[in-house]
N, C-alpha and C. Protein backbone atom coordinates (compact mmCIF):
# COMPACT_ATOMS: atom_id res chain seq x y z
N MET A 1 112.10 92.93 128.93
CA MET A 1 111.57 94.15 128.39
C MET A 1 110.20 94.15 128.37
N LEU A 2 109.77 95.40 128.31
CA LEU A 2 107.96 95.55 128.17
C LEU A 2 107.75 94.91 127.39
N ASN A 3 106.25 94.12 128.06
CA ASN A 3 105.38 93.57 127.02
C ASN A 3 104.14 93.44 127.40
N ALA A 4 103.56 93.23 126.14
CA ALA A 4 101.81 93.62 126.42
C ALA A 4 101.04 92.85 127.78
N ALA A 5 101.41 91.50 127.86
CA ALA A 5 101.33 91.46 129.32
C ALA A 5 101.17 91.72 130.47
N ILE A 6 102.15 92.37 130.45
CA ILE A 6 102.29 92.94 132.08
C ILE A 6 101.37 93.97 131.41
N ILE A 7 101.54 94.94 130.44
CA ILE A 7 100.80 96.41 130.41
C ILE A 7 99.40 95.92 130.92
N THR A 8 98.73 95.06 130.29
CA THR A 8 97.43 94.84 130.26
C THR A 8 96.90 94.37 131.97
N GLY A 9 97.84 93.73 132.35
CA GLY A 9 97.91 92.98 133.30
C GLY A 9 97.56 94.30 134.51
N ILE A 10 98.78 95.58 134.20
CA ILE A 10 98.64 96.81 135.25
C ILE A 10 97.28 97.30 135.42
N HIS A 11 96.79 97.13 133.45
CA HIS A 11 95.54 97.72 133.88
C HIS A 11 94.10 97.34 134.24
N ASP A 12 94.26 96.09 133.89
CA ASP A 12 93.01 94.83 134.81
C ASP A 12 93.30 95.15 136.29
N GLU A 13 94.17 95.08 137.16
CA GLU A 13 94.57 94.92 138.20
C GLU A 13 94.09 96.60 138.51
N THR A 14 94.68 97.53 138.33
CA THR A 14 94.35 99.01 139.09
C THR A 14 93.06 99.46 138.51
N THR A 15 92.35 98.92 137.33
CA THR A 15 90.82 98.70 137.28
C THR A 15 89.88 98.66 138.64
N ARG A 16 90.48 97.11 139.10
CA ARG A 16 89.69 96.62 139.53
C ARG A 16 89.74 97.09 140.59
N PHE A 17 91.12 97.80 141.34
CA PHE A 17 91.34 98.51 142.62
C PHE A 17 90.69 99.52 142.67
N TRP A 18 91.21 100.26 141.60
CA TRP A 18 90.14 101.58 141.79
C TRP A 18 88.76 101.98 141.82
N HIS A 19 88.04 100.63 141.45
CA HIS A 19 86.82 100.82 141.81
C HIS A 19 86.19 100.41 143.27
N GLN A 20 87.13 99.74 144.28
CA GLN A 20 86.87 99.35 145.35
C GLN A 20 86.33 100.57 146.21
N PRO A 21 85.33 100.63 147.16
CA PRO A 21 84.94 101.84 147.36
C PRO A 21 85.67 102.49 148.54
N GLU A 22 86.78 101.88 149.08
CA GLU A 22 87.66 101.94 149.95
C GLU A 22 89.06 101.41 149.75
N ARG A 23 90.15 102.46 149.44
CA ARG A 23 91.42 101.82 148.73
C ARG A 23 92.58 102.95 148.90
N ASP A 24 93.83 102.67 149.15
CA ASP A 24 94.57 103.45 149.25
C ASP A 24 95.18 103.71 148.08
N GLU A 25 95.20 105.13 147.89
CA GLU A 25 95.90 105.32 146.38
C GLU A 25 97.52 104.81 146.12
N LEU A 26 97.59 104.19 144.76
CA LEU A 26 99.20 103.66 144.25
C LEU A 26 100.08 104.67 144.27
N ILE A 27 101.25 104.51 144.62
CA ILE A 27 102.20 105.56 144.93
C ILE A 27 103.01 105.38 143.39
N GLU A 28 103.09 106.74 142.84
CA GLU A 28 103.48 106.77 141.55
C GLU A 28 105.18 107.19 141.45
N SER A 29 105.81 107.02 140.29
CA SER A 29 106.79 107.37 140.18
C SER A 29 107.01 107.73 138.52
N ASN A 30 108.38 108.01 138.53
CA ASN A 30 108.84 108.43 136.72
C ASN A 30 109.17 106.80 136.16
N ASP A 31 109.41 105.52 136.62
CA ASP A 31 109.74 104.70 136.23
C ASP A 31 108.48 104.10 135.07
N LEU A 32 108.97 103.31 134.10
CA LEU A 32 107.74 103.29 132.73
C LEU A 32 106.70 102.55 133.37
N LEU A 33 106.79 102.06 134.20
CA LEU A 33 105.32 101.22 134.75
C LEU A 33 104.36 101.93 135.46
N SER A 34 104.92 102.64 136.46
CA SER A 34 104.44 103.47 137.19
C SER A 34 103.66 104.59 136.04
N LEU A 35 104.65 105.30 135.26
CA LEU A 35 103.80 106.18 133.88
C LEU A 35 102.55 105.32 133.44
N ILE A 36 102.66 103.97 132.92
CA ILE A 36 101.79 103.48 132.62
C ILE A 36 100.46 103.41 133.14
N ARG A 37 100.84 103.12 134.76
CA ARG A 37 99.69 103.31 135.66
C ARG A 37 99.15 104.44 136.05
N ALA A 38 99.80 105.43 135.65
CA ALA A 38 99.18 106.66 136.02
C ALA A 38 98.73 107.41 134.42
N GLN A 39 99.17 106.73 133.48
CA GLN A 39 98.08 107.39 132.39
C GLN A 39 97.10 106.56 132.12
N HIS A 40 96.86 105.30 132.79
CA HIS A 40 95.40 104.79 132.87
C HIS A 40 94.53 105.38 133.93
N ARG A 41 95.61 105.88 134.92
CA ARG A 41 94.53 106.31 135.79
C ARG A 41 93.72 107.49 134.98
N GLU A 42 94.50 107.87 134.33
CA GLU A 42 93.94 109.31 133.77
C GLU A 42 92.39 109.01 133.07
N ASN A 43 92.56 107.76 132.40
CA ASN A 43 91.57 107.42 131.25
C ASN A 43 90.39 106.95 132.35
N PHE A 44 91.03 106.53 133.54
CA PHE A 44 89.59 106.07 134.44
C PHE A 44 89.03 106.63 134.76
N ASP A 45 89.59 108.47 135.44
CA ASP A 45 88.97 109.12 135.67
C ASP A 45 88.30 110.26 134.83
N LEU A 46 88.66 110.07 133.34
CA LEU A 46 88.31 110.39 132.20
C LEU A 46 86.77 109.89 132.04
N TRP A 47 86.93 108.45 132.08
CA TRP A 47 85.42 107.83 131.65
C TRP A 47 84.44 108.04 132.84
N HIS A 48 85.14 108.09 134.14
CA HIS A 48 83.51 108.37 135.32
C HIS A 48 83.43 109.93 134.83
N GLU A 49 84.00 110.84 134.76
CA GLU A 49 83.86 112.09 134.56
C GLU A 49 82.77 112.40 133.22
N GLU A 50 83.22 111.81 132.39
CA GLU A 50 82.02 111.88 131.14
C GLU A 50 80.93 111.38 131.57
N ASP A 51 80.83 110.42 132.27
CA ASP A 51 79.31 109.73 132.78
C ASP A 51 78.88 111.15 133.37
N LYS A 52 79.64 112.00 134.42
CA LYS A 52 78.57 112.83 135.10
C LYS A 52 77.79 113.65 133.84
N ALA A 53 78.91 114.12 132.58
CA ALA A 53 78.20 114.42 131.29
C ALA A 53 77.01 114.06 131.11
N ARG A 54 76.88 112.86 130.88
CA ARG A 54 75.78 112.33 130.50
C ARG A 54 74.56 111.88 131.36
N ASP A 55 74.73 112.30 132.55
CA ASP A 55 73.79 112.24 133.62
C ASP A 55 72.23 113.36 133.36
N PRO A 56 71.04 112.65 132.87
CA PRO A 56 70.10 113.22 132.44
C PRO A 56 69.50 114.27 133.50
N GLU A 57 70.23 114.45 134.86
CA GLU A 57 69.60 115.64 135.61
C GLU A 57 70.90 116.56 135.76
N ALA A 58 71.90 116.26 135.12
CA ALA A 58 73.00 117.66 135.15
C ALA A 58 72.45 118.52 134.67
N THR A 59 72.96 119.80 135.57
CA THR A 59 72.60 120.85 135.27
C THR A 59 73.82 121.55 134.01
N ASP A 60 73.23 122.68 133.67
CA ASP A 60 74.28 123.36 132.74
C ASP A 60 75.40 123.78 133.30
N ALA A 61 75.71 124.21 134.60
CA ALA A 61 76.96 124.41 135.15
C ALA A 61 77.30 123.42 135.57
N GLY A 62 76.85 122.48 135.98
CA GLY A 62 77.52 121.01 136.02
C GLY A 62 78.28 120.57 134.78
N ILE A 63 77.82 120.76 133.86
CA ILE A 63 78.19 120.28 132.94
C ILE A 63 79.38 120.84 131.98
N ALA A 64 79.32 122.15 132.30
CA ALA A 64 80.51 122.87 132.10
C ALA A 64 81.71 122.77 133.07
N ARG A 65 81.46 122.70 134.01
CA ARG A 65 82.36 122.13 135.24
C ARG A 65 83.05 120.60 134.71
N VAL A 66 82.41 119.54 134.33
CA VAL A 66 82.67 118.85 134.25
C VAL A 66 83.29 118.81 132.87
N LYS A 67 83.07 119.46 131.81
CA LYS A 67 84.01 119.79 130.33
C LYS A 67 85.67 120.29 130.76
N ARG A 68 85.50 120.96 131.67
CA ARG A 68 86.20 121.45 132.09
C ARG A 68 87.58 120.69 132.77
N ASN A 69 86.92 120.10 133.73
CA ASN A 69 87.69 118.63 134.29
C ASN A 69 88.36 117.74 132.74
N ILE A 70 87.30 117.44 132.20
CA ILE A 70 87.40 117.07 131.13
C ILE A 70 89.09 117.49 130.41
N ASP A 71 88.86 118.28 129.72
CA ASP A 71 90.18 118.92 129.18
C ASP A 71 91.15 118.55 129.82
N ARG A 72 91.26 119.10 131.50
CA ARG A 72 92.47 118.90 132.30
C ARG A 72 92.53 117.31 132.24
N LEU A 73 92.08 116.32 132.27
CA LEU A 73 92.03 115.19 132.26
C LEU A 73 92.85 114.58 130.87
N ASN A 74 92.31 115.14 130.02
CA ASN A 74 92.71 114.93 128.60
C ASN A 74 93.89 115.10 128.26
N GLN A 75 94.18 116.57 128.99
CA GLN A 75 95.36 116.86 128.66
C GLN A 75 96.80 116.33 129.53
N ARG A 76 96.54 115.79 130.38
CA ARG A 76 97.25 115.14 131.50
C ARG A 76 97.37 113.67 130.92
N ARG A 77 96.41 113.09 130.47
CA ARG A 77 96.50 111.89 129.88
C ARG A 77 97.20 111.73 128.37
N ASN A 78 97.60 113.12 127.56
CA ASN A 78 98.12 112.88 126.40
C ASN A 78 99.93 113.21 126.79
N ASP A 79 99.82 113.76 128.14
CA ASP A 79 101.41 114.42 128.09
C ASP A 79 101.74 112.74 128.57
N LEU A 80 101.06 112.10 129.31
CA LEU A 80 101.72 110.85 129.94
C LEU A 80 102.11 110.01 128.54
N VAL A 81 101.19 110.14 127.40
CA VAL A 81 101.59 108.98 126.46
C VAL A 81 102.99 109.40 126.12
N GLU A 82 103.22 110.73 125.92
CA GLU A 82 104.14 111.34 125.35
C GLU A 82 106.00 110.72 126.39
N ARG A 83 105.19 111.31 127.71
CA ARG A 83 106.13 110.62 128.57
C ARG A 83 106.76 108.54 128.29
N ILE A 84 105.64 108.36 128.09
CA ILE A 84 105.79 106.75 128.11
C ILE A 84 106.91 106.40 126.59
N ASP A 85 106.32 107.61 125.72
CA ASP A 85 106.66 107.13 124.39
C ASP A 85 108.37 107.37 124.56
N VAL A 86 108.94 108.60 125.27
CA VAL A 86 109.91 109.31 125.61
C VAL A 86 110.49 108.15 125.97
N GLN A 87 109.94 107.58 127.02
CA GLN A 87 110.92 106.37 128.14
C GLN A 87 111.31 105.23 126.85
N LEU A 88 110.34 105.08 126.14
CA LEU A 88 110.51 103.58 125.17
C LEU A 88 111.64 104.07 124.30
N PHE A 89 111.75 105.30 123.64
CA PHE A 89 112.66 105.86 122.75
C PHE A 89 113.85 105.89 123.35
N THR A 90 114.16 106.26 124.75
CA THR A 90 115.54 106.08 125.12
C THR A 90 115.94 105.06 125.25
N ARG A 91 115.08 103.71 125.38
CA ARG A 91 115.23 102.63 125.28
C ARG A 91 115.87 101.84 123.59
N LEU A 92 115.13 102.23 122.77
CA LEU A 92 115.33 101.68 121.64
C LEU A 92 115.73 102.41 120.80
N GLY A 93 115.85 103.69 120.90
CA GLY A 93 116.09 104.80 119.77
C GLY A 93 117.32 104.67 119.14
N ASP A 94 118.73 104.03 119.99
CA ASP A 94 119.81 103.97 118.60
C ASP A 94 119.65 102.65 118.02
N THR A 95 118.94 101.95 118.37
CA THR A 95 118.88 100.84 117.37
C THR A 95 117.78 101.41 116.05
N MET A 96 117.04 101.83 116.41
CA MET A 96 116.15 102.34 115.39
C MET A 96 116.77 103.33 114.24
N LYS A 97 117.84 104.13 115.00
CA LYS A 97 118.83 105.29 114.37
C LYS A 97 119.69 104.51 113.68
N HIS A 98 120.04 103.47 113.82
CA HIS A 98 120.60 102.43 113.06
C HIS A 98 120.35 101.74 112.08
N HIS A 99 118.97 102.15 111.68
CA HIS A 99 118.51 101.39 110.83
C HIS A 99 117.32 102.33 110.26
N PRO A 100 117.65 103.67 109.70
CA PRO A 100 116.65 104.50 109.06
C PRO A 100 115.89 103.92 107.93
N ASP A 101 116.27 103.07 107.10
CA ASP A 101 115.23 102.60 106.13
C ASP A 101 114.22 101.40 106.65
N ALA A 102 114.31 101.34 107.91
CA ALA A 102 113.19 100.07 108.53
C ALA A 102 111.82 100.98 108.35
N PRO A 103 110.84 100.05 108.22
CA PRO A 103 109.46 100.94 107.76
C PRO A 103 109.14 101.56 109.28
N LEU A 104 108.12 102.79 108.84
CA LEU A 104 108.04 103.35 109.98
C LEU A 104 106.65 102.89 110.46
N HIS A 105 106.39 102.74 112.22
CA HIS A 105 105.39 102.34 112.50
C HIS A 105 104.04 103.68 112.45
N SER A 106 103.01 103.70 112.19
CA SER A 106 102.08 104.36 112.03
C SER A 106 101.47 104.91 113.84
N GLU A 107 101.62 104.25 114.56
CA GLU A 107 101.57 104.78 115.74
C GLU A 107 102.74 104.28 116.89
N THR A 108 102.99 105.47 117.43
CA THR A 108 103.51 105.01 118.67
C THR A 108 103.48 104.01 119.77
N PRO A 109 104.18 103.63 120.23
CA PRO A 109 103.78 102.31 121.30
C PRO A 109 102.94 103.31 122.54
N GLY A 110 103.05 104.32 122.87
CA GLY A 110 102.39 104.95 124.28
C GLY A 110 101.02 104.97 123.28
N MET A 111 100.78 105.36 121.95
CA MET A 111 99.51 105.51 121.35
C MET A 111 98.65 104.22 121.83
N MET A 112 99.58 102.94 121.48
CA MET A 112 99.02 101.71 121.66
C MET A 112 98.46 101.36 122.88
N ILE A 113 99.28 101.95 123.88
CA ILE A 113 99.14 101.67 125.48
C ILE A 113 97.93 102.36 125.82
N ASP A 114 97.58 103.62 125.28
CA ASP A 114 96.46 104.43 125.84
C ASP A 114 95.03 103.86 124.81
N ARG A 115 95.38 103.26 123.82
CA ARG A 115 94.18 102.41 123.50
C ARG A 115 93.81 100.80 124.43
N LEU A 116 94.74 100.13 124.51
CA LEU A 116 94.77 99.02 125.31
C LEU A 116 94.12 99.53 126.66
N SER A 117 94.44 100.87 127.46
CA SER A 117 94.29 101.09 128.63
C SER A 117 92.46 101.40 128.49
N ILE A 118 92.15 102.01 127.64
CA ILE A 118 90.66 102.14 127.27
C ILE A 118 89.83 100.88 126.84
N LEU A 119 90.33 99.51 126.60
CA LEU A 119 89.76 98.68 126.22
C LEU A 119 89.74 97.97 127.50
N ALA A 120 90.65 98.09 128.16
CA ALA A 120 90.38 97.68 129.78
C ALA A 120 89.28 98.14 130.63
N LEU A 121 89.00 99.69 130.44
CA LEU A 121 87.86 100.13 131.22
C LEU A 121 86.55 99.51 130.03
N LYS A 122 86.47 99.57 128.90
CA LYS A 122 85.38 98.98 128.27
C LYS A 122 84.74 97.46 128.61
N ILE A 123 86.20 96.78 128.79
CA ILE A 123 85.91 95.25 129.43
C ILE A 123 85.58 95.10 130.88
N PHE A 124 86.01 96.03 131.21
CA PHE A 124 85.76 95.66 133.21
C PHE A 124 84.20 96.03 132.80
N HIS A 125 83.73 97.12 132.58
CA HIS A 125 82.18 97.76 132.56
C HIS A 125 81.37 97.11 131.54
N THR A 126 82.06 96.44 130.62
CA THR A 126 81.07 95.62 129.81
C THR A 126 80.77 93.97 130.85
N GLY A 127 81.77 93.94 131.70
CA GLY A 127 81.44 92.67 132.48
C GLY A 127 80.57 92.81 132.93
N GLU A 128 80.68 94.04 133.60
CA GLU A 128 79.77 94.20 134.41
C GLU A 128 78.45 94.18 134.40
N GLU A 129 78.03 94.62 133.29
CA GLU A 129 76.67 94.52 132.81
C GLU A 129 76.38 93.13 132.33
N THR A 130 77.29 92.07 132.49
CA THR A 130 76.73 90.70 132.08
C THR A 130 76.21 90.25 133.21
N HIS A 131 76.78 90.58 134.24
CA HIS A 131 75.82 89.90 135.35
C HIS A 131 74.95 91.04 136.70
N ARG A 132 74.84 91.97 135.95
CA ARG A 132 73.78 93.54 136.64
C ARG A 132 72.56 92.76 137.07
N SER A 133 72.12 93.07 138.49
CA SER A 133 71.11 92.23 138.86
C SER A 133 70.07 92.28 137.92
N THR A 134 69.71 93.58 137.81
CA THR A 134 68.21 94.71 137.12
C THR A 134 68.40 94.31 135.83
N ALA A 135 69.58 93.34 134.69
CA ALA A 135 69.28 93.29 133.74
C ALA A 135 68.73 92.33 133.27
N THR A 136 68.10 92.27 131.96
CA THR A 136 67.50 91.19 131.24
C THR A 136 68.23 90.20 130.78
N GLU A 137 67.65 88.94 130.75
CA GLU A 137 69.07 88.05 129.77
C GLU A 137 69.17 88.45 128.30
N ARG A 138 68.43 89.40 127.67
CA ARG A 138 68.83 89.96 126.52
C ARG A 138 69.99 90.81 126.45
N HIS A 139 69.35 91.49 127.50
CA HIS A 139 70.69 92.33 127.96
C HIS A 139 72.13 92.14 128.33
N ARG A 140 72.01 91.07 129.60
CA ARG A 140 73.22 90.28 129.75
C ARG A 140 73.82 89.49 128.37
N GLN A 141 73.10 88.66 127.76
CA GLN A 141 73.36 88.11 126.36
C GLN A 141 74.34 89.25 125.60
N ARG A 142 73.66 90.26 125.07
CA ARG A 142 74.05 91.25 124.32
C ARG A 142 75.81 91.77 124.98
N ASN A 143 75.67 92.04 126.04
CA ASN A 143 76.81 92.12 126.30
C ASN A 143 77.99 91.10 126.38
N LEU A 144 77.48 89.93 126.90
CA LEU A 144 78.60 89.17 126.80
C LEU A 144 79.12 88.86 125.15
N ASP A 145 78.05 89.18 123.96
CA ASP A 145 78.58 89.41 122.63
C ASP A 145 79.80 90.43 122.71
N ARG A 146 79.72 91.51 123.38
CA ARG A 146 80.03 92.74 123.25
C ARG A 146 81.53 92.48 124.26
N LEU A 147 81.61 91.95 125.06
CA LEU A 147 83.09 91.37 125.77
C LEU A 147 83.45 90.49 125.24
N HIS A 148 83.04 89.32 124.33
CA HIS A 148 84.00 88.36 123.75
C HIS A 148 84.55 89.43 122.37
N LEU A 149 83.58 90.09 121.52
CA LEU A 149 84.68 91.09 121.02
C LEU A 149 85.39 92.12 121.45
N LEU A 150 85.37 92.85 122.81
CA LEU A 150 86.36 93.53 122.55
C LEU A 150 87.61 92.99 123.57
N CYS A 151 87.57 91.41 124.09
CA CYS A 151 88.57 90.90 124.36
C CYS A 151 89.49 90.42 122.99
N GLU A 152 88.78 89.95 122.04
CA GLU A 152 89.19 89.97 120.68
C GLU A 152 90.53 91.40 120.64
N GLN A 153 89.61 92.10 120.24
CA GLN A 153 90.01 93.65 119.73
C GLN A 153 91.32 93.67 120.92
N ARG A 154 91.34 93.51 122.53
CA ARG A 154 92.62 93.86 122.89
C ARG A 154 93.76 92.93 122.54
N PHE A 155 93.32 91.36 122.29
CA PHE A 155 94.27 90.36 122.15
C PHE A 155 95.12 90.63 121.13
N ASP A 156 94.34 91.27 119.91
CA ASP A 156 95.17 91.61 118.42
C ASP A 156 95.77 92.81 119.04
N LEU A 157 95.09 94.24 119.73
CA LEU A 157 96.19 95.40 119.96
C LEU A 157 97.16 94.62 120.51
N ALA A 158 96.92 93.92 121.60
CA ALA A 158 98.20 93.48 122.43
C ALA A 158 99.23 93.04 121.36
N SER A 159 98.94 91.52 120.81
CA SER A 159 99.92 91.36 119.95
C SER A 159 100.86 92.02 119.09
N ALA A 160 99.93 93.15 118.40
CA ALA A 160 100.56 94.07 117.51
C ALA A 160 101.60 94.90 118.05
N LEU A 161 100.98 95.48 119.54
CA LEU A 161 102.11 96.23 120.12
C LEU A 161 103.38 95.52 120.55
N ASP A 162 103.35 93.73 120.85
CA ASP A 162 104.35 93.18 121.31
C ASP A 162 105.52 92.85 119.75
N ALA A 163 104.70 92.66 118.59
CA ALA A 163 105.76 92.92 117.53
C ALA A 163 105.88 94.18 117.06
N LEU A 164 105.62 95.24 117.53
CA LEU A 164 106.36 96.62 117.32
C LEU A 164 107.48 96.88 118.25
N LEU A 165 107.39 96.59 119.36
CA LEU A 165 108.67 96.53 120.54
C LEU A 165 109.83 95.40 119.70
N LYS A 166 109.25 94.40 120.01
CA LYS A 166 110.11 93.19 119.09
C LYS A 166 111.02 94.11 118.22
N ASP A 167 110.17 94.44 117.01
CA ASP A 167 110.78 94.93 116.14
C ASP A 167 111.90 96.03 115.90
N ALA A 168 111.04 96.87 116.85
CA ALA A 168 112.22 97.88 117.14
C ALA A 168 113.56 97.90 117.96
N ALA A 169 113.22 96.50 118.71
CA ALA A 169 114.54 96.20 119.37
C ALA A 169 115.45 95.44 118.55
N ALA A 170 115.30 95.02 117.20
CA ALA A 170 115.63 94.53 115.90
C ALA A 170 115.98 94.99 115.01
N GLY A 171 115.50 96.67 114.87
CA GLY A 171 115.57 97.12 113.68
C GLY A 171 115.41 97.48 112.82
N THR A 172 114.14 96.30 112.90
CA THR A 172 113.10 95.83 111.51
C THR A 172 112.03 96.86 111.69
N ARG A 173 111.56 97.79 112.51
CA ARG A 173 110.91 98.69 112.28
C ARG A 173 111.16 99.75 113.14
N ARG A 174 110.56 100.65 112.87
CA ARG A 174 110.71 102.28 114.08
C ARG A 174 109.65 102.69 114.17
N PHE A 175 109.63 103.78 115.18
CA PHE A 175 108.50 104.80 115.42
C PHE A 175 109.23 106.10 115.59
N LYS A 176 108.69 107.02 115.60
CA LYS A 176 108.84 108.07 115.98
C LYS A 176 108.25 108.86 117.11
N LEU A 177 108.91 109.63 117.60
CA LEU A 177 108.48 110.64 118.74
C LEU A 177 107.46 111.52 118.22
N TYR A 178 106.52 111.38 118.22
CA TYR A 178 105.12 112.55 118.00
C TYR A 178 104.40 113.42 119.05
N ARG A 179 104.79 114.53 118.93
CA ARG A 179 103.91 115.59 120.09
C ARG A 179 102.39 115.49 119.68
N GLN A 180 101.62 115.34 121.01
CA GLN A 180 100.24 115.25 120.83
C GLN A 180 99.71 117.10 120.34
N MET A 181 100.45 118.00 120.64
CA MET A 181 100.30 118.92 120.26
C MET A 181 98.72 119.81 120.23
N LYS A 182 98.18 119.35 121.59
CA LYS A 182 96.51 120.01 122.09
C LYS A 182 96.60 121.45 122.20
N MET A 183 95.40 121.76 121.52
CA MET A 183 95.59 123.37 121.83
C MET A 183 94.45 123.61 123.03
N TYR A 184 93.67 122.63 123.08
CA TYR A 184 92.53 123.29 123.61
C TYR A 184 92.54 123.82 125.10
N ASN A 185 93.68 123.87 125.91
CA ASN A 185 94.30 124.25 127.24
C ASN A 185 95.25 125.36 126.86
N ASP A 186 95.80 125.46 125.64
CA ASP A 186 96.69 126.76 125.56
C ASP A 186 95.90 127.84 125.22
N PRO A 187 96.57 128.70 126.14
CA PRO A 187 95.33 130.26 125.68
C PRO A 187 96.05 131.06 124.59
N ASP A 188 97.38 130.81 124.50
CA ASP A 188 97.58 131.24 122.95
C ASP A 188 97.04 130.55 121.50
N LEU A 189 96.18 129.58 122.08
CA LEU A 189 96.31 128.61 120.56
C LEU A 189 94.45 128.55 120.05
N ASN A 190 93.97 128.73 121.70
CA ASN A 190 92.80 128.11 121.66
C ASN A 190 91.58 129.80 121.51
N PRO A 191 91.45 129.79 120.06
CA PRO A 191 90.69 130.97 120.28
C PRO A 191 89.27 131.54 121.27
N ALA A 192 89.03 130.44 121.74
CA ALA A 192 87.57 130.82 122.43
C ALA A 192 88.38 131.43 123.69
N VAL A 193 89.70 131.39 123.95
CA VAL A 193 90.08 131.73 125.25
C VAL A 193 90.77 133.25 124.68
N TYR A 194 91.46 133.05 123.64
CA TYR A 194 92.35 134.55 123.02
C TYR A 194 91.57 135.96 122.81
N GLY A 195 90.51 135.29 121.78
CA GLY A 195 89.32 135.80 121.51
C GLY A 195 88.78 136.67 122.45
N LYS A 196 88.86 136.37 123.50
CA LYS A 196 88.25 136.92 124.57
C LYS A 196 89.30 138.02 125.91
N ARG A 197 90.43 137.75 125.42
CA ARG A 197 91.10 138.84 126.19
C ARG A 197 91.45 139.92 126.07
N THR A 198 91.40 140.90 126.79
CA THR A 198 90.91 142.24 126.70
C THR A 198 92.16 142.73 126.16
N ARG A 199 92.24 143.80 125.76
CA ARG A 199 93.22 144.12 124.78
C ARG A 199 93.85 145.48 125.52
């Protein structure tokens, strides 16, 4: 059964791999671990795309282009969260259906995996700051403190995910499939788009 150690291992391994200047892309497929890897890639690309928008020398046109890229990446990120949940629900859904009175968890496993993905990126980049050659000792110590807290947060979240998956498999807790229902990329739902359509 999938567990948080496998997930965080994928996140850490691919984060290091994708930061290498020369690399071959990993081949993706529709199996669960590949979906987790692909979902993490969207967060990885989002992180670095958002950095471009924060560049003090970015032009207005450049920021607008970045914003559209961010919307596209966010849509794919959320779509992959749903696909992860569908796969897990397929594995665990029968057991949960037989225990309709089991407490309902407020987050889906996919949502928790998304949060673990973001924490992996924070841990990687905060770790970089602890040994940046131009950093002051105060800066390094501040980031060591932040790194400790981030690792604690990830441990706690990973433990909570493992507990949810174990409980769902035992029928003592359940989760539902929730659609993200993002509106900004849908021309029929976003007034900034449909409001400018020619009539």
